[in-house]
Amino acid sequence: MTKIDKKKIEEFIRVDHAGERGAVKIYEGQLLALNTFVKNDDLKKVIEEMKVHEVEHCEFFEKEINKRNIAPTKFLPLWDLLGVGLGFGSTLLGKKAAMLCTASVEEVIDKHYLDQIKKLDKNESELKKKITKFREDELLHKDIAYEKGATKKGVYLLLDKIIKTGSKIAINISEKI
């Protein structure tokens, strides 16, 4: 394996920071809907539990951004707004849509993290270990989402494609800007 360059590591950390912060914002939007318009204590508990992992992941990448003096993506304010909106909106559509939101995002992140893990070398063993652990957490969230009702049947297939496309666009932008 060839040594991965510093610029690529910075891209990894920048985009992972943005993504984990985005996940926190999605869950905040879902909890906002659950605390105002949609009453579902079981769903609220599931989302609160998954949010704990996302906060842990976000805090790790926040520290890496600061430690390595990496500029976060300039799009953080927009991603924050869109994340809250996606979480809120998906929850207003119902439990299946809220859980599909999690499943769709996690399916994109699974591939994204796996690609990073394959590229990271021994010089970044700690980062690789963290991303591997975070990927496991994300796969758990995806499994929970399907257990709790996520589906791609009917109109939900369109929602899945919209969420995945938006996630991939945000990844591509956040790596570079």
N, C-alpha and C. Protein backbone atom coordinates (compact mmCIF):
# COMPACT_ATOMS: atom_id res chain seq x y z
N MET A 1 0.84 -1.18 0.00
CA MET A 1 0.00 0.00 0.00
C MET A 1 0.89 1.25 0.00
N THR A 2 0.57 2.19 -0.85
CA THR A 2 1.34 3.43 -0.89
C THR A 2 0.89 4.36 0.23
N LYS A 3 1.81 5.21 0.64
CA LYS A 3 1.50 6.15 1.71
C LYS A 3 0.47 7.16 1.22
N ILE A 4 -0.55 7.36 2.00
CA ILE A 4 -1.62 8.30 1.65
C ILE A 4 -1.14 9.72 1.97
N ASP A 5 -1.40 10.65 1.09
CA ASP A 5 -0.87 12.00 1.31
C ASP A 5 -1.71 12.81 2.30
N LYS A 6 -1.07 13.84 2.83
CA LYS A 6 -1.68 14.68 3.88
C LYS A 6 -2.97 15.34 3.40
N LYS A 7 -3.00 15.75 2.16
CA LYS A 7 -4.20 16.40 1.60
C LYS A 7 -5.40 15.45 1.63
N LYS A 8 -5.16 14.19 1.31
CA LYS A 8 -6.24 13.20 1.29
C LYS A 8 -6.73 12.94 2.72
N ILE A 9 -5.81 12.88 3.68
CA ILE A 9 -6.20 12.71 5.09
C ILE A 9 -7.06 13.90 5.53
N GLU A 10 -6.66 15.10 5.15
CA GLU A 10 -7.44 16.29 5.49
C GLU A 10 -8.85 16.21 4.90
N GLU A 11 -8.94 15.73 3.66
CA GLU A 11 -10.26 15.56 3.04
C GLU A 11 -11.10 14.56 3.82
N PHE A 12 -10.48 13.43 4.22
CA PHE A 12 -11.19 12.42 4.99
C PHE A 12 -11.76 13.03 6.27
N ILE A 13 -10.93 13.75 6.99
CA ILE A 13 -11.35 14.30 8.28
C ILE A 13 -12.39 15.39 8.08
N ARG A 14 -12.19 16.25 7.09
CA ARG A 14 -13.16 17.32 6.81
C ARG A 14 -14.54 16.75 6.49
N VAL A 15 -14.58 15.78 5.59
CA VAL A 15 -15.87 15.23 5.18
C VAL A 15 -16.50 14.39 6.29
N ASP A 16 -15.69 13.66 7.05
CA ASP A 16 -16.24 12.85 8.13
C ASP A 16 -16.78 13.74 9.25
N HIS A 17 -16.10 14.84 9.52
CA HIS A 17 -16.59 15.81 10.49
C HIS A 17 -17.95 16.34 10.04
N ALA A 18 -18.03 16.76 8.79
CA ALA A 18 -19.29 17.30 8.26
C ALA A 18 -20.39 16.25 8.30
N GLY A 19 -20.05 15.01 7.94
CA GLY A 19 -21.04 13.95 7.92
C GLY A 19 -21.56 13.58 9.29
N GLU A 20 -20.67 13.48 10.25
CA GLU A 20 -21.11 13.14 11.60
C GLU A 20 -21.91 14.28 12.23
N ARG A 21 -21.48 15.51 11.94
CA ARG A 21 -22.27 16.65 12.42
C ARG A 21 -23.65 16.65 11.74
N GLY A 22 -23.67 16.31 10.45
CA GLY A 22 -24.94 16.21 9.74
C GLY A 22 -25.85 15.17 10.35
N ALA A 23 -25.28 14.04 10.75
CA ALA A 23 -26.08 12.99 11.39
C ALA A 23 -26.68 13.48 12.70
N VAL A 24 -25.89 14.21 13.48
CA VAL A 24 -26.41 14.78 14.73
C VAL A 24 -27.58 15.71 14.41
N LYS A 25 -27.42 16.54 13.37
CA LYS A 25 -28.47 17.50 13.00
C LYS A 25 -29.73 16.79 12.51
N ILE A 26 -29.56 15.70 11.75
CA ILE A 26 -30.74 14.93 11.32
C ILE A 26 -31.50 14.42 12.53
N TYR A 27 -30.78 13.85 13.49
CA TYR A 27 -31.45 13.34 14.69
C TYR A 27 -32.06 14.48 15.51
N GLU A 28 -31.40 15.63 15.55
CA GLU A 28 -31.99 16.78 16.24
C GLU A 28 -33.30 17.19 15.57
N GLY A 29 -33.33 17.17 14.24
CA GLY A 29 -34.56 17.49 13.52
C GLY A 29 -35.66 16.47 13.79
N GLN A 30 -35.27 15.20 13.85
CA GLN A 30 -36.26 14.16 14.14
C GLN A 30 -36.80 14.32 15.56
N LEU A 31 -35.92 14.62 16.49
CA LEU A 31 -36.37 14.81 17.88
C LEU A 31 -37.23 16.05 18.02
N LEU A 32 -36.92 17.09 17.25
CA LEU A 32 -37.77 18.29 17.27
C LEU A 32 -39.18 17.94 16.82
N ALA A 33 -39.31 17.17 15.75
CA ALA A 33 -40.63 16.75 15.28
C ALA A 33 -41.33 15.88 16.32
N LEU A 34 -40.55 14.99 16.95
CA LEU A 34 -41.13 14.09 17.95
C LEU A 34 -41.53 14.82 19.23
N ASN A 35 -40.89 15.93 19.50
CA ASN A 35 -41.23 16.71 20.70
C ASN A 35 -42.31 17.75 20.45
N THR A 36 -42.70 17.93 19.20
CA THR A 36 -43.70 18.97 18.89
C THR A 36 -44.95 18.39 18.23
N PHE A 37 -44.81 17.75 17.09
CA PHE A 37 -45.98 17.33 16.30
C PHE A 37 -46.28 15.85 16.33
N VAL A 38 -45.25 15.04 16.41
CA VAL A 38 -45.40 13.59 16.31
C VAL A 38 -45.12 12.98 17.68
N LYS A 39 -46.09 12.31 18.21
CA LYS A 39 -45.89 11.68 19.52
C LYS A 39 -45.65 10.19 19.34
N ASN A 40 -44.41 9.79 19.55
CA ASN A 40 -44.04 8.37 19.47
C ASN A 40 -42.83 8.17 20.38
N ASP A 41 -43.10 7.81 21.62
CA ASP A 41 -42.04 7.68 22.61
C ASP A 41 -41.05 6.57 22.27
N ASP A 42 -41.52 5.49 21.65
CA ASP A 42 -40.62 4.40 21.28
C ASP A 42 -39.62 4.88 20.22
N LEU A 43 -40.10 5.57 19.21
CA LEU A 43 -39.23 6.09 18.16
C LEU A 43 -38.27 7.13 18.74
N LYS A 44 -38.77 7.96 19.62
CA LYS A 44 -37.93 8.98 20.26
C LYS A 44 -36.77 8.32 21.01
N LYS A 45 -37.04 7.26 21.73
CA LYS A 45 -35.99 6.56 22.48
C LYS A 45 -34.94 5.98 21.54
N VAL A 46 -35.37 5.37 20.45
CA VAL A 46 -34.45 4.78 19.47
C VAL A 46 -33.54 5.86 18.89
N ILE A 47 -34.13 6.98 18.51
CA ILE A 47 -33.36 8.07 17.90
C ILE A 47 -32.39 8.68 18.91
N GLU A 48 -32.84 8.86 20.14
CA GLU A 48 -31.94 9.40 21.17
C GLU A 48 -30.73 8.49 21.38
N GLU A 49 -30.95 7.18 21.35
CA GLU A 49 -29.85 6.23 21.54
C GLU A 49 -28.86 6.29 20.37
N MET A 50 -29.37 6.39 19.15
CA MET A 50 -28.48 6.46 17.99
C MET A 50 -27.73 7.79 17.96
N LYS A 51 -28.38 8.84 18.41
CA LYS A 51 -27.75 10.16 18.42
C LYS A 51 -26.52 10.18 19.32
N VAL A 52 -26.52 9.40 20.40
CA VAL A 52 -25.37 9.33 21.30
C VAL A 52 -24.11 8.94 20.53
N HIS A 53 -24.22 7.94 19.66
CA HIS A 53 -23.07 7.52 18.84
C HIS A 53 -22.61 8.65 17.92
N GLU A 54 -23.58 9.30 17.29
CA GLU A 54 -23.24 10.35 16.33
C GLU A 54 -22.53 11.52 17.02
N VAL A 55 -22.95 11.85 18.22
CA VAL A 55 -22.28 12.91 18.99
C VAL A 55 -20.84 12.49 19.30
N GLU A 56 -20.64 11.23 19.69
CA GLU A 56 -19.29 10.71 19.95
C GLU A 56 -18.43 10.83 18.69
N HIS A 57 -18.97 10.42 17.57
CA HIS A 57 -18.22 10.47 16.30
C HIS A 57 -17.88 11.92 15.95
N CYS A 58 -18.87 12.79 16.07
CA CYS A 58 -18.67 14.20 15.74
C CYS A 58 -17.60 14.84 16.63
N GLU A 59 -17.64 14.54 17.90
CA GLU A 59 -16.64 15.09 18.83
C GLU A 59 -15.23 14.62 18.47
N PHE A 60 -15.09 13.36 18.06
CA PHE A 60 -13.78 12.86 17.65
C PHE A 60 -13.26 13.66 16.46
N PHE A 61 -14.09 13.83 15.44
CA PHE A 61 -13.64 14.55 14.24
C PHE A 61 -13.44 16.04 14.51
N GLU A 62 -14.21 16.59 15.43
CA GLU A 62 -14.01 18.00 15.84
C GLU A 62 -12.61 18.15 16.44
N LYS A 63 -12.22 17.20 17.28
CA LYS A 63 -10.87 17.23 17.88
C LYS A 63 -9.79 17.08 16.81
N GLU A 64 -10.03 16.19 15.85
CA GLU A 64 -9.05 15.99 14.76
C GLU A 64 -8.92 17.25 13.91
N ILE A 65 -10.03 17.90 13.63
CA ILE A 65 -10.02 19.17 12.86
C ILE A 65 -9.12 20.18 13.58
N ASN A 66 -9.34 20.30 14.88
CA ASN A 66 -8.58 21.28 15.67
C ASN A 66 -7.11 20.86 15.83
N LYS A 67 -6.87 19.61 16.15
CA LYS A 67 -5.51 19.10 16.38
C LYS A 67 -4.65 19.23 15.11
N ARG A 68 -5.24 18.94 13.97
CA ARG A 68 -4.49 18.93 12.72
C ARG A 68 -4.60 20.25 11.96
N ASN A 69 -5.32 21.20 12.56
CA ASN A 69 -5.49 22.52 11.95
C ASN A 69 -6.08 22.42 10.53
N ILE A 70 -7.17 21.69 10.42
CA ILE A 70 -7.87 21.49 9.15
C ILE A 70 -9.09 22.40 9.12
N ALA A 71 -9.26 23.09 8.03
CA ALA A 71 -10.44 23.94 7.88
C ALA A 71 -11.67 23.06 7.66
N PRO A 72 -12.72 23.23 8.46
CA PRO A 72 -13.94 22.47 8.20
C PRO A 72 -14.57 22.93 6.88
N THR A 73 -15.48 22.15 6.36
CA THR A 73 -16.15 22.57 5.14
C THR A 73 -16.85 23.91 5.35
N LYS A 74 -16.80 24.73 4.33
CA LYS A 74 -17.46 26.04 4.39
C LYS A 74 -18.99 25.88 4.35
N PHE A 75 -19.45 24.69 4.05
CA PHE A 75 -20.88 24.44 3.92
C PHE A 75 -21.55 23.99 5.21
N LEU A 76 -20.81 23.97 6.33
CA LEU A 76 -21.41 23.49 7.60
C LEU A 76 -22.74 24.16 7.93
N PRO A 77 -22.85 25.49 7.81
CA PRO A 77 -24.16 26.09 8.15
C PRO A 77 -25.30 25.58 7.27
N LEU A 78 -25.02 25.37 5.98
CA LEU A 78 -26.05 24.84 5.08
C LEU A 78 -26.36 23.39 5.43
N TRP A 79 -25.32 22.60 5.67
CA TRP A 79 -25.55 21.19 6.02
C TRP A 79 -26.34 21.09 7.33
N ASP A 80 -26.05 21.98 8.29
CA ASP A 80 -26.81 21.98 9.55
C ASP A 80 -28.30 22.19 9.27
N LEU A 81 -28.59 23.19 8.47
CA LEU A 81 -29.98 23.53 8.14
C LEU A 81 -30.66 22.38 7.40
N LEU A 82 -29.97 21.84 6.40
CA LEU A 82 -30.55 20.75 5.62
C LEU A 82 -30.71 19.48 6.46
N GLY A 83 -29.75 19.23 7.36
CA GLY A 83 -29.85 18.06 8.23
C GLY A 83 -31.06 18.13 9.15
N VAL A 84 -31.24 19.28 9.80
CA VAL A 84 -32.40 19.45 10.67
C VAL A 84 -33.69 19.33 9.85
N GLY A 85 -33.69 19.95 8.67
CA GLY A 85 -34.87 19.89 7.81
C GLY A 85 -35.19 18.47 7.37
N LEU A 86 -34.16 17.72 6.98
CA LEU A 86 -34.37 16.33 6.56
C LEU A 86 -34.90 15.49 7.72
N GLY A 87 -34.31 15.65 8.88
CA GLY A 87 -34.78 14.89 10.04
C GLY A 87 -36.21 15.24 10.42
N PHE A 88 -36.49 16.53 10.45
CA PHE A 88 -37.83 17.00 10.81
C PHE A 88 -38.85 16.52 9.78
N GLY A 89 -38.54 16.75 8.51
CA GLY A 89 -39.47 16.39 7.44
C GLY A 89 -39.72 14.90 7.34
N SER A 90 -38.67 14.12 7.46
CA SER A 90 -38.84 12.66 7.35
C SER A 90 -39.70 12.14 8.50
N THR A 91 -39.56 12.74 9.67
CA THR A 91 -40.35 12.30 10.82
C THR A 91 -41.81 12.72 10.70
N LEU A 92 -42.05 13.88 10.11
CA LEU A 92 -43.44 14.28 9.86
C LEU A 92 -44.14 13.31 8.91
N LEU A 93 -43.37 12.68 8.02
CA LEU A 93 -43.94 11.71 7.08
C LEU A 93 -44.28 10.38 7.75
N GLY A 94 -43.77 10.17 8.96
CA GLY A 94 -44.10 8.95 9.69
C GLY A 94 -42.87 8.14 10.06
N LYS A 95 -43.12 7.11 10.86
CA LYS A 95 -42.05 6.28 11.39
C LYS A 95 -41.24 5.60 10.28
N LYS A 96 -41.93 5.06 9.26
CA LYS A 96 -41.22 4.38 8.17
C LYS A 96 -40.26 5.34 7.48
N ALA A 97 -40.70 6.55 7.22
CA ALA A 97 -39.85 7.55 6.55
C ALA A 97 -38.70 7.97 7.45
N ALA A 98 -38.97 8.16 8.73
CA ALA A 98 -37.91 8.55 9.67
C ALA A 98 -36.83 7.48 9.73
N MET A 99 -37.25 6.23 9.81
CA MET A 99 -36.28 5.14 9.88
C MET A 99 -35.58 4.92 8.53
N LEU A 100 -36.30 5.17 7.43
CA LEU A 100 -35.65 5.08 6.12
C LEU A 100 -34.58 6.14 5.99
N CYS A 101 -34.82 7.32 6.54
CA CYS A 101 -33.81 8.38 6.51
C CYS A 101 -32.51 7.86 7.12
N THR A 102 -32.60 7.24 8.27
CA THR A 102 -31.41 6.66 8.91
C THR A 102 -30.79 5.58 8.03
N ALA A 103 -31.60 4.64 7.56
CA ALA A 103 -31.08 3.53 6.76
C ALA A 103 -30.39 4.02 5.49
N SER A 104 -31.00 4.97 4.80
CA SER A 104 -30.45 5.47 3.54
C SER A 104 -29.11 6.17 3.76
N VAL A 105 -29.05 7.03 4.76
CA VAL A 105 -27.80 7.73 5.06
C VAL A 105 -26.73 6.72 5.46
N GLU A 106 -27.08 5.77 6.31
CA GLU A 106 -26.08 4.80 6.78
C GLU A 106 -25.57 3.90 5.66
N GLU A 107 -26.40 3.60 4.68
CA GLU A 107 -25.94 2.79 3.55
C GLU A 107 -24.89 3.54 2.73
N VAL A 108 -25.07 4.85 2.59
CA VAL A 108 -24.06 5.67 1.89
C VAL A 108 -22.78 5.74 2.73
N ILE A 109 -22.94 5.95 4.03
CA ILE A 109 -21.78 6.10 4.91
C ILE A 109 -21.00 4.79 5.02
N ASP A 110 -21.69 3.66 4.99
CA ASP A 110 -21.01 2.37 5.01
C ASP A 110 -19.99 2.29 3.88
N LYS A 111 -20.41 2.57 2.68
CA LYS A 111 -19.51 2.51 1.51
C LYS A 111 -18.41 3.57 1.62
N HIS A 112 -18.79 4.75 2.08
CA HIS A 112 -17.84 5.86 2.23
C HIS A 112 -16.73 5.50 3.23
N TYR A 113 -17.12 5.02 4.40
CA TYR A 113 -16.14 4.65 5.42
C TYR A 113 -15.30 3.46 4.96
N LEU A 114 -15.91 2.48 4.32
CA LEU A 114 -15.17 1.32 3.86
C LEU A 114 -14.09 1.74 2.86
N ASP A 115 -14.41 2.66 1.98
CA ASP A 115 -13.44 3.19 1.02
C ASP A 115 -12.27 3.85 1.75
N GLN A 116 -12.56 4.64 2.77
CA GLN A 116 -11.51 5.29 3.55
C GLN A 116 -10.64 4.26 4.29
N ILE A 117 -11.27 3.27 4.89
CA ILE A 117 -10.54 2.24 5.64
C ILE A 117 -9.55 1.54 4.73
N LYS A 118 -9.97 1.25 3.51
CA LYS A 118 -9.08 0.57 2.54
C LYS A 118 -7.89 1.45 2.16
N LYS A 119 -8.05 2.76 2.19
CA LYS A 119 -6.99 3.67 1.75
C LYS A 119 -6.04 4.08 2.88
N LEU A 120 -6.48 3.99 4.12
CA LEU A 120 -5.64 4.41 5.24
C LEU A 120 -4.53 3.40 5.50
N ASP A 121 -3.33 3.90 5.73
CA ASP A 121 -2.18 3.03 5.96
C ASP A 121 -1.78 3.03 7.43
N LYS A 122 -0.67 2.35 7.74
CA LYS A 122 -0.23 2.21 9.13
C LYS A 122 0.14 3.53 9.78
N ASN A 123 0.46 4.54 8.98
CA ASN A 123 0.79 5.85 9.54
C ASN A 123 -0.43 6.54 10.15
N GLU A 124 -1.59 6.05 9.79
CA GLU A 124 -2.85 6.60 10.33
C GLU A 124 -3.66 5.49 11.00
N SER A 125 -2.97 4.65 11.75
CA SER A 125 -3.63 3.49 12.35
C SER A 125 -4.72 3.88 13.35
N GLU A 126 -4.50 4.95 14.11
CA GLU A 126 -5.50 5.38 15.09
C GLU A 126 -6.77 5.89 14.38
N LEU A 127 -6.57 6.68 13.34
CA LEU A 127 -7.71 7.18 12.56
C LEU A 127 -8.46 6.01 11.93
N LYS A 128 -7.72 5.07 11.39
CA LYS A 128 -8.33 3.89 10.75
C LYS A 128 -9.14 3.09 11.77
N LYS A 129 -8.60 2.93 12.97
CA LYS A 129 -9.30 2.20 14.03
C LYS A 129 -10.62 2.91 14.40
N LYS A 130 -10.57 4.22 14.52
CA LYS A 130 -11.78 4.99 14.86
C LYS A 130 -12.82 4.89 13.76
N ILE A 131 -12.40 5.07 12.51
CA ILE A 131 -13.35 5.01 11.40
C ILE A 131 -13.96 3.62 11.31
N THR A 132 -13.17 2.59 11.57
CA THR A 132 -13.68 1.22 11.57
C THR A 132 -14.75 1.04 12.65
N LYS A 133 -14.49 1.57 13.83
CA LYS A 133 -15.46 1.48 14.93
C LYS A 133 -16.72 2.27 14.59
N PHE A 134 -16.55 3.47 14.04
CA PHE A 134 -17.70 4.30 13.69
C PHE A 134 -18.54 3.62 12.61
N ARG A 135 -17.87 2.98 11.65
CA ARG A 135 -18.60 2.25 10.60
C ARG A 135 -19.46 1.16 11.23
N GLU A 136 -18.93 0.47 12.21
CA GLU A 136 -19.70 -0.58 12.90
C GLU A 136 -20.93 0.02 13.57
N ASP A 137 -20.77 1.18 14.19
CA ASP A 137 -21.91 1.87 14.80
C ASP A 137 -22.96 2.22 13.75
N GLU A 138 -22.51 2.70 12.59
CA GLU A 138 -23.43 3.11 11.53
C GLU A 138 -24.18 1.90 10.98
N LEU A 139 -23.49 0.76 10.85
CA LEU A 139 -24.16 -0.45 10.38
C LEU A 139 -25.21 -0.91 11.39
N LEU A 140 -24.92 -0.75 12.68
CA LEU A 140 -25.90 -1.06 13.71
C LEU A 140 -27.13 -0.16 13.57
N HIS A 141 -26.91 1.13 13.33
CA HIS A 141 -28.03 2.06 13.15
C HIS A 141 -28.88 1.64 11.95
N LYS A 142 -28.23 1.24 10.87
CA LYS A 142 -28.96 0.80 9.67
C LYS A 142 -29.83 -0.41 10.02
N ASP A 143 -29.25 -1.38 10.72
CA ASP A 143 -30.01 -2.58 11.10
C ASP A 143 -31.19 -2.23 11.99
N ILE A 144 -30.97 -1.34 12.95
CA ILE A 144 -32.05 -0.90 13.84
C ILE A 144 -33.15 -0.23 13.02
N ALA A 145 -32.76 0.61 12.08
CA ALA A 145 -33.75 1.33 11.26
C ALA A 145 -34.66 0.34 10.51
N TYR A 146 -34.06 -0.70 9.94
CA TYR A 146 -34.89 -1.70 9.24
C TYR A 146 -35.75 -2.50 10.22
N GLU A 147 -35.21 -2.80 11.39
CA GLU A 147 -36.00 -3.51 12.41
C GLU A 147 -37.20 -2.67 12.85
N LYS A 148 -37.04 -1.34 12.86
CA LYS A 148 -38.08 -0.44 13.34
C LYS A 148 -39.00 0.07 12.24
N GLY A 149 -38.86 -0.48 11.03
CA GLY A 149 -39.87 -0.16 10.02
C GLY A 149 -39.41 0.49 8.73
N ALA A 150 -38.12 0.78 8.58
CA ALA A 150 -37.65 1.36 7.32
C ALA A 150 -38.01 0.43 6.17
N THR A 151 -38.43 1.00 5.07
CA THR A 151 -38.79 0.22 3.90
C THR A 151 -38.45 1.02 2.64
N LYS A 152 -38.24 0.30 1.55
CA LYS A 152 -38.01 0.95 0.25
C LYS A 152 -39.14 0.62 -0.71
N LYS A 153 -40.25 0.16 -0.17
CA LYS A 153 -41.40 -0.20 -1.01
C LYS A 153 -42.19 1.06 -1.39
N GLY A 154 -42.72 1.04 -2.60
CA GLY A 154 -43.58 2.13 -3.05
C GLY A 154 -42.86 3.46 -3.11
N VAL A 155 -43.51 4.48 -2.61
CA VAL A 155 -42.98 5.84 -2.65
C VAL A 155 -41.70 5.98 -1.83
N TYR A 156 -41.49 5.09 -0.89
CA TYR A 156 -40.28 5.14 -0.06
C TYR A 156 -39.00 4.91 -0.88
N LEU A 157 -39.12 4.21 -2.00
CA LEU A 157 -37.97 4.02 -2.87
C LEU A 157 -37.48 5.36 -3.40
N LEU A 158 -38.41 6.23 -3.74
CA LEU A 158 -38.05 7.57 -4.22
C LEU A 158 -37.37 8.37 -3.10
N LEU A 159 -37.92 8.29 -1.90
CA LEU A 159 -37.31 8.98 -0.76
C LEU A 159 -35.89 8.48 -0.52
N ASP A 160 -35.70 7.17 -0.61
CA ASP A 160 -34.37 6.57 -0.45
C ASP A 160 -33.39 7.15 -1.48
N LYS A 161 -33.80 7.23 -2.72
CA LYS A 161 -32.92 7.75 -3.77
C LYS A 161 -32.60 9.23 -3.56
N ILE A 162 -33.57 10.00 -3.12
CA ILE A 162 -33.35 11.43 -2.86
C ILE A 162 -32.35 11.61 -1.73
N ILE A 163 -32.54 10.88 -0.63
CA ILE A 163 -31.64 10.99 0.53
C ILE A 163 -30.23 10.55 0.16
N LYS A 164 -30.11 9.44 -0.56
CA LYS A 164 -28.79 8.94 -0.94
C LYS A 164 -28.09 9.90 -1.90
N THR A 165 -28.81 10.45 -2.85
CA THR A 165 -28.21 11.40 -3.79
C THR A 165 -27.73 12.64 -3.04
N GLY A 166 -28.56 13.17 -2.16
CA GLY A 166 -28.17 14.33 -1.36
C GLY A 166 -26.96 14.06 -0.50
N SER A 167 -26.89 12.88 0.09
CA SER A 167 -25.75 12.50 0.94
C SER A 167 -24.47 12.44 0.11
N LYS A 168 -24.55 11.84 -1.07
CA LYS A 168 -23.37 11.72 -1.93
C LYS A 168 -22.89 13.09 -2.41
N ILE A 169 -23.82 13.96 -2.73
CA ILE A 169 -23.45 15.33 -3.15
C ILE A 169 -22.75 16.05 -2.00
N ALA A 170 -23.32 15.94 -0.80
CA ALA A 170 -22.72 16.59 0.37
C ALA A 170 -21.31 16.05 0.64
N ILE A 171 -21.12 14.76 0.46
CA ILE A 171 -19.79 14.16 0.64
C ILE A 171 -18.81 14.76 -0.35
N ASN A 172 -19.18 14.77 -1.62
CA ASN A 172 -18.29 15.27 -2.66
C ASN A 172 -17.91 16.74 -2.45
N ILE A 173 -18.87 17.54 -2.05
CA ILE A 173 -18.60 18.96 -1.80
C ILE A 173 -17.72 19.13 -0.56
N SER A 174 -18.08 18.43 0.51
CA SER A 174 -17.38 18.62 1.79
C SER A 174 -15.93 18.15 1.76
N GLU A 175 -15.61 17.20 0.90
CA GLU A 175 -14.22 16.78 0.78
C GLU A 175 -13.34 17.93 0.30
N LYS A 176 -13.87 18.73 -0.60
CA LYS A 176 -13.05 19.72 -1.31
C LYS A 176 -13.18 21.15 -0.79
N ILE A 177 -14.36 21.49 -0.30
CA ILE A 177 -14.61 22.90 0.06
C ILE A 177 -14.93 23.04 1.54
